[in-house]
Amino acid sequence: MNKESKEMAKLAYHALDEKKAEDIRIIDISGVSVIADYFIIASGSNQNQLQAMQDAVDEELYKAGYHAKQIEGNQNSSWILMDYNDIIVHIFSKEDRLFYDLERVWRDGKEIDPASI
């Protein structure tokens, strides 16, 4: 885990929060996986909100000089995955979030209080 990934997580969290994302979680997975340092998981109530959340995260990170390696999902998706190497942002519909339950899958990671990053 490095300072840059913390900054990215903080920017993504604030962008999601600004778009009224629900139940935003930051999970430090650096101790249990090499794929990233953080997972950021958030829910939205409808397709328009999910798209707005994606746009906000991408714009905020882009302005800070971070570019997505890959984005999976589109305007009709109920799960959008944004891979920025050090952080991975998961934006879900409420139903898909309950179904996939990433918090349970990654329970060996450490949930981070957004105020601490």
C-alpha atoms as a PDB file:
ATOM      1  CA  MET A   1       0.000   0.000   0.000  1.00  0.00           C
ATOM      2  CA  ASN A   2       1.340   3.382  -0.902  1.00  0.00           C
ATOM      3  CA  LYS A   3       0.491   7.034  -0.487  1.00  0.00           C
ATOM      4  CA  GLU A   4      -0.716   7.281  -4.085  1.00  0.00           C
ATOM      5  CA  SER A   5      -3.278   4.508  -3.680  1.00  0.00           C
ATOM      6  CA  LYS A   6      -4.560   6.149  -0.496  1.00  0.00           C
ATOM      7  CA  GLU A   7      -5.021   9.416  -2.373  1.00  0.00           C
ATOM      8  CA  MET A   8      -6.840   7.608  -5.188  1.00  0.00           C
ATOM      9  CA  ALA A   9      -9.146   5.877  -2.709  1.00  0.00           C
ATOM     10  CA  LYS A  10      -9.890   9.180  -1.015  1.00  0.00           C
ATOM     11  CA  LEU A  11     -10.714  10.887  -4.323  1.00  0.00           C
ATOM     12  CA  ALA A  12     -12.954   8.006  -5.422  1.00  0.00           C
ATOM     13  CA  TYR A  13     -14.751   7.981  -2.072  1.00  0.00           C
ATOM     14  CA  HIS A  14     -15.481  11.710  -2.225  1.00  0.00           C
ATOM     15  CA  ALA A  15     -16.669  11.508  -5.846  1.00  0.00           C
ATOM     16  CA  LEU A  16     -19.071   8.689  -4.921  1.00  0.00           C
ATOM     17  CA  ASP A  17     -20.254  10.505  -1.819  1.00  0.00           C
ATOM     18  CA  GLU A  18     -20.958  13.637  -3.836  1.00  0.00           C
ATOM     19  CA  LYS A  19     -23.245  11.614  -6.116  1.00  0.00           C
ATOM     20  CA  LYS A  20     -25.136  10.278  -3.082  1.00  0.00           C
ATOM     21  CA  ALA A  21     -23.785   6.742  -3.387  1.00  0.00           C
ATOM     22  CA  GLU A  22     -25.112   4.457  -0.678  1.00  0.00           C
ATOM     23  CA  ASP A  23     -23.126   2.341   1.776  1.00  0.00           C
ATOM     24  CA  ILE A  24     -19.666   3.265   0.468  1.00  0.00           C
ATOM     25  CA  ARG A  25     -17.033   0.870   1.791  1.00  0.00           C
ATOM     26  CA  ILE A  26     -13.270   0.971   1.447  1.00  0.00           C
ATOM     27  CA  ILE A  27     -11.549  -2.359   1.963  1.00  0.00           C
ATOM     28  CA  ASP A  28      -7.781  -2.589   2.249  1.00  0.00           C
ATOM     29  CA  ILE A  29      -6.910  -5.802   0.410  1.00  0.00           C
ATOM     30  CA  SER A  30      -3.163  -5.175   0.176  1.00  0.00           C
ATOM     31  CA  GLY A  31      -2.449  -7.799   2.825  1.00  0.00           C
ATOM     32  CA  VAL A  32      -4.504 -10.526   1.151  1.00  0.00           C
ATOM     33  CA  SER A  33      -4.084  -9.932  -2.589  1.00  0.00           C
ATOM     34  CA  VAL A  34      -1.680  -8.509  -5.130  1.00  0.00           C
ATOM     35  CA  ILE A  35      -4.394  -7.306  -7.525  1.00  0.00           C
ATOM     36  CA  ALA A  36      -4.858  -3.929  -5.794  1.00  0.00           C
ATOM     37  CA  ASP A  37      -4.447  -2.079  -2.527  1.00  0.00           C
ATOM     38  CA  TYR A  38      -8.084  -1.069  -2.100  1.00  0.00           C
ATOM     39  CA  PHE A  39     -11.557  -2.071  -3.177  1.00  0.00           C
ATOM     40  CA  ILE A  40     -14.123   0.702  -3.023  1.00  0.00           C
ATOM     41  CA  ILE A  41     -17.677  -0.632  -3.092  1.00  0.00           C
ATOM     42  CA  ALA A  42     -20.813   1.498  -3.415  1.00  0.00           C
ATOM     43  CA  SER A  43     -24.471   1.137  -4.347  1.00  0.00           C
ATOM     44  CA  GLY A  44     -26.849   3.269  -6.336  1.00  0.00           C
ATOM     45  CA  SER A  45     -30.617   3.231  -6.724  1.00  0.00           C
ATOM     46  CA  ASN A  46     -30.986   3.360 -10.506  1.00  0.00           C
ATOM     47  CA  GLN A  47     -29.096   3.256 -13.814  1.00  0.00           C
ATOM     48  CA  ASN A  48     -28.783   7.034 -14.040  1.00  0.00           C
ATOM     49  CA  GLN A  49     -27.215   7.249 -10.600  1.00  0.00           C
ATOM     50  CA  LEU A  50     -24.814   4.369 -11.343  1.00  0.00           C
ATOM     51  CA  GLN A  51     -23.687   6.154 -14.510  1.00  0.00           C
ATOM     52  CA  ALA A  52     -23.310   9.474 -12.670  1.00  0.00           C
ATOM     53  CA  MET A  53     -21.226   7.747  -9.984  1.00  0.00           C
ATOM     54  CA  GLN A  54     -18.965   6.208 -12.632  1.00  0.00           C
ATOM     55  CA  ASP A  55     -18.558   9.521 -14.437  1.00  0.00           C
ATOM     56  CA  ALA A  56     -17.772  11.362 -11.189  1.00  0.00           C
ATOM     57  CA  VAL A  57     -15.094   8.869 -10.120  1.00  0.00           C
ATOM     58  CA  ASP A  58     -13.498   8.793 -13.555  1.00  0.00           C
ATOM     59  CA  GLU A  59     -13.480  12.597 -13.834  1.00  0.00           C
ATOM     60  CA  GLU A  60     -12.072  13.144 -10.342  1.00  0.00           C
ATOM     61  CA  LEU A  61      -9.278  10.612 -10.783  1.00  0.00           C
ATOM     62  CA  TYR A  62      -8.529  11.827 -14.314  1.00  0.00           C
ATOM     63  CA  LYS A  63      -8.155  15.418 -13.054  1.00  0.00           C
ATOM     64  CA  ALA A  64      -5.651  14.129 -10.487  1.00  0.00           C
ATOM     65  CA  GLY A  65      -3.661  12.378 -13.226  1.00  0.00           C
ATOM     66  CA  TYR A  66      -4.924   8.811 -12.733  1.00  0.00           C
ATOM     67  CA  HIS A  67      -6.261   6.878 -15.677  1.00  0.00           C
ATOM     68  CA  ALA A  68      -8.419   3.777 -15.651  1.00  0.00           C
ATOM     69  CA  LYS A  69      -6.674   0.658 -16.871  1.00  0.00           C
ATOM     70  CA  GLN A  70     -10.060  -0.832 -17.651  1.00  0.00           C
ATOM     71  CA  ILE A  71     -13.744  -0.135 -17.081  1.00  0.00           C
ATOM     72  CA  GLU A  72     -16.269  -2.952 -17.318  1.00  0.00           C
ATOM     73  CA  GLY A  73     -19.956  -2.224 -17.622  1.00  0.00           C
ATOM     74  CA  ASN A  74     -22.049   0.271 -19.540  1.00  0.00           C
ATOM     75  CA  GLN A  75     -25.200   2.362 -19.193  1.00  0.00           C
ATOM     76  CA  ASN A  76     -27.325  -0.786 -18.918  1.00  0.00           C
ATOM     77  CA  SER A  77     -25.115  -2.553 -16.390  1.00  0.00           C
ATOM     78  CA  SER A  78     -26.038  -3.115 -12.776  1.00  0.00           C
ATOM     79  CA  TRP A  79     -22.371  -3.647 -11.824  1.00  0.00           C
ATOM     80  CA  ILE A  80     -19.613  -1.344 -13.024  1.00  0.00           C
ATOM     81  CA  LEU A  81     -15.998  -2.226 -12.314  1.00  0.00           C
ATOM     82  CA  MET A  82     -13.351   0.492 -12.625  1.00  0.00           C
ATOM     83  CA  ASP A  83      -9.760  -0.736 -12.445  1.00  0.00           C
ATOM     84  CA  TYR A  84      -7.118   1.880 -11.641  1.00  0.00           C
ATOM     85  CA  ASN A  85      -4.377  -0.663 -10.824  1.00  0.00           C
ATOM     86  CA  ASP A  86      -3.940   0.317  -7.157  1.00  0.00           C
ATOM     87  CA  ILE A  87      -7.656   0.681  -6.497  1.00  0.00           C
ATOM     88  CA  ILE A  88     -10.683  -1.077  -7.934  1.00  0.00           C
ATOM     89  CA  VAL A  89     -14.049   0.658  -7.715  1.00  0.00           C
ATOM     90  CA  HIS A  90     -17.191  -1.493  -7.745  1.00  0.00           C
ATOM     91  CA  ILE A  91     -20.468   0.328  -8.378  1.00  0.00           C
ATOM     92  CA  PHE A  92     -23.532  -1.863  -7.907  1.00  0.00           C
ATOM     93  CA  SER A  93     -27.280  -1.795  -8.019  1.00  0.00           C
ATOM     94  CA  LYS A  94     -28.564  -2.681  -4.555  1.00  0.00           C
ATOM     95  CA  GLU A  95     -29.757  -6.104  -5.746  1.00  0.00           C
ATOM     96  CA  ASP A  96     -26.476  -7.075  -7.391  1.00  0.00           C
ATOM     97  CA  ARG A  97     -24.488  -5.901  -4.397  1.00  0.00           C
ATOM     98  CA  LEU A  98     -26.483  -8.191  -2.139  1.00  0.00           C
ATOM     99  CA  PHE A  99     -26.132 -11.061  -4.604  1.00  0.00           C
ATOM    100  CA  TYR A 100     -22.357 -10.830  -5.130  1.00  0.00           C
ATOM    101  CA  ASP A 101     -21.602  -9.763  -1.534  1.00  0.00           C
ATOM    102  CA  LEU A 102     -17.997  -8.709  -2.140  1.00  0.00           C
ATOM    103  CA  GLU A 103     -17.646  -7.604   1.466  1.00  0.00           C
ATOM    104  CA  ARG A 104     -18.077 -11.247   2.513  1.00  0.00           C
ATOM    105  CA  VAL A 105     -15.787 -12.559  -0.231  1.00  0.00           C
ATOM    106  CA  TRP A 106     -13.045 -10.111   0.818  1.00  0.00           C
ATOM    107  CA  ARG A 107     -13.687 -10.334   4.560  1.00  0.00           C
ATOM    108  CA  ASP A 108      -9.980 -11.021   5.139  1.00  0.00           C
ATOM    109  CA  GLY A 109      -9.337  -7.460   3.996  1.00  0.00           C
ATOM    110  CA  LYS A 110      -9.507  -4.607   6.468  1.00  0.00           C
ATOM    111  CA  GLU A 111     -12.383  -2.155   6.228  1.00  0.00           C
ATOM    112  CA  ILE A 112     -11.047   1.391   6.328  1.00  0.00           C
ATOM    113  CA  ASP A 113     -12.744   4.423   7.820  1.00  0.00           C
ATOM    114  CA  PRO A 114     -12.772   7.030   5.016  1.00  0.00           C
ATOM    115  CA  ALA A 115     -11.792   9.721   7.521  1.00  0.00           C
ATOM    116  CA  SER A 116      -8.522   7.878   8.173  1.00  0.00           C
ATOM    117  CA  ILE A 117      -7.203   7.988   4.618  1.00  0.00           C
END
